[in-house]
């Protein structure tokens, strides 16, 4: 039970990290185009 919860939390964290990484990547590319 606890193990399943930990796995769920970890997968959610990875998911959010991936989204933030992609967003930051997009912003950096947009800045590079502007500069």
N, C-alpha and C. Protein backbone atom coordinates (compact mmCIF):
# COMPACT_ATOMS: atom_id res chain seq x y z
N UNK A 1 0.84 -1.21 0.00
CA UNK A 1 0.00 0.00 0.00
C UNK A 1 0.88 1.25 0.00
N UNK A 2 1.77 1.34 0.98
CA UNK A 2 2.65 2.50 1.08
C UNK A 2 3.56 2.58 -0.14
N UNK A 3 4.02 1.41 -0.57
CA UNK A 3 4.92 1.36 -1.74
C UNK A 3 4.20 1.90 -2.97
N UNK A 4 2.94 1.52 -3.14
CA UNK A 4 2.16 1.99 -4.29
C UNK A 4 2.00 3.50 -4.23
N UNK A 5 1.75 4.03 -3.04
CA UNK A 5 1.59 5.48 -2.89
C UNK A 5 2.89 6.19 -3.24
N UNK A 6 4.02 5.66 -2.77
CA UNK A 6 5.32 6.27 -3.06
C UNK A 6 5.58 6.26 -4.56
N UNK A 7 5.28 5.14 -5.21
CA UNK A 7 5.49 5.05 -6.65
C UNK A 7 4.62 6.07 -7.38
N UNK A 8 3.38 6.22 -6.91
CA UNK A 8 2.47 7.18 -7.54
C UNK A 8 3.00 8.59 -7.39
N UNK A 9 3.44 8.95 -6.19
CA UNK A 9 3.97 10.29 -5.93
C UNK A 9 5.22 10.54 -6.78
N UNK A 10 6.09 9.54 -6.85
CA UNK A 10 7.32 9.68 -7.63
C UNK A 10 7.00 9.88 -9.11
N UNK A 11 6.08 9.10 -9.64
CA UNK A 11 5.74 9.23 -11.06
C UNK A 11 5.11 10.59 -11.33
N UNK A 12 4.32 11.09 -10.39
CA UNK A 12 3.71 12.42 -10.56
C UNK A 12 4.80 13.48 -10.57
N UNK A 13 5.77 13.35 -9.67
CA UNK A 13 6.86 14.33 -9.61
C UNK A 13 7.64 14.33 -10.91
N UNK A 14 7.92 13.16 -11.45
CA UNK A 14 8.66 13.05 -12.71
C UNK A 14 7.85 13.72 -13.82
N UNK A 15 6.53 13.47 -13.80
CA UNK A 15 5.64 14.05 -14.81
C UNK A 15 5.70 15.58 -14.77
N UNK A 16 5.58 16.14 -13.56
CA UNK A 16 5.63 17.61 -13.42
C UNK A 16 6.99 18.14 -13.83
N UNK A 17 8.05 17.42 -13.45
CA UNK A 17 9.40 17.85 -13.79
C UNK A 17 9.56 17.90 -15.31
N UNK A 18 9.03 16.88 -15.99
CA UNK A 18 9.12 16.84 -17.46
C UNK A 18 8.41 18.04 -18.07
N UNK A 19 7.22 18.36 -17.57
CA UNK A 19 6.45 19.48 -18.12
C UNK A 19 7.20 20.79 -17.89
N UNK A 20 7.72 20.98 -16.66
CA UNK A 20 8.45 22.22 -16.38
C UNK A 20 9.70 22.31 -17.24
N UNK A 21 10.38 21.20 -17.42
CA UNK A 21 11.60 21.19 -18.24
C UNK A 21 11.26 21.60 -19.67
N UNK A 22 10.17 21.06 -20.20
CA UNK A 22 9.76 21.40 -21.57
C UNK A 22 9.38 22.87 -21.67
N UNK A 23 8.66 23.38 -20.67
CA UNK A 23 8.26 24.79 -20.70
C UNK A 23 9.47 25.70 -20.65
N UNK A 24 10.43 25.39 -19.78
CA UNK A 24 11.64 26.21 -19.66
C UNK A 24 12.42 26.14 -20.97
N UNK A 25 12.47 24.95 -21.57
CA UNK A 25 13.17 24.78 -22.84
C UNK A 25 12.53 25.67 -23.91
N UNK A 26 11.20 25.69 -23.96
CA UNK A 26 10.48 26.52 -24.93
C UNK A 26 10.80 27.99 -24.71
N UNK A 27 10.81 28.41 -23.44
CA UNK A 27 11.10 29.82 -23.12
C UNK A 27 12.51 30.19 -23.55
N UNK A 28 13.47 29.31 -23.28
CA UNK A 28 14.86 29.59 -23.66
C UNK A 28 14.99 29.70 -25.17
N UNK A 29 14.31 28.83 -25.89
CA UNK A 29 14.38 28.88 -27.35
C UNK A 29 13.75 30.17 -27.86
N UNK A 30 12.64 30.58 -27.25
CA UNK A 30 11.98 31.83 -27.66
C UNK A 30 12.91 33.00 -27.40
N UNK A 31 13.61 32.99 -26.26
CA UNK A 31 14.54 34.07 -25.94
C UNK A 31 15.69 34.09 -26.94
N UNK A 32 16.17 32.91 -27.31
CA UNK A 32 17.27 32.85 -28.28
C UNK A 32 16.84 33.43 -29.62
N UNK A 33 15.61 33.19 -30.01
CA UNK A 33 15.11 33.72 -31.28
C UNK A 33 15.02 35.24 -31.19
N UNK A 34 14.56 35.75 -30.04
CA UNK A 34 14.44 37.20 -29.86
C UNK A 34 15.81 37.85 -29.86
N UNK A 35 16.77 37.20 -29.21
CA UNK A 35 18.14 37.75 -29.12
C UNK A 35 18.92 37.37 -30.36
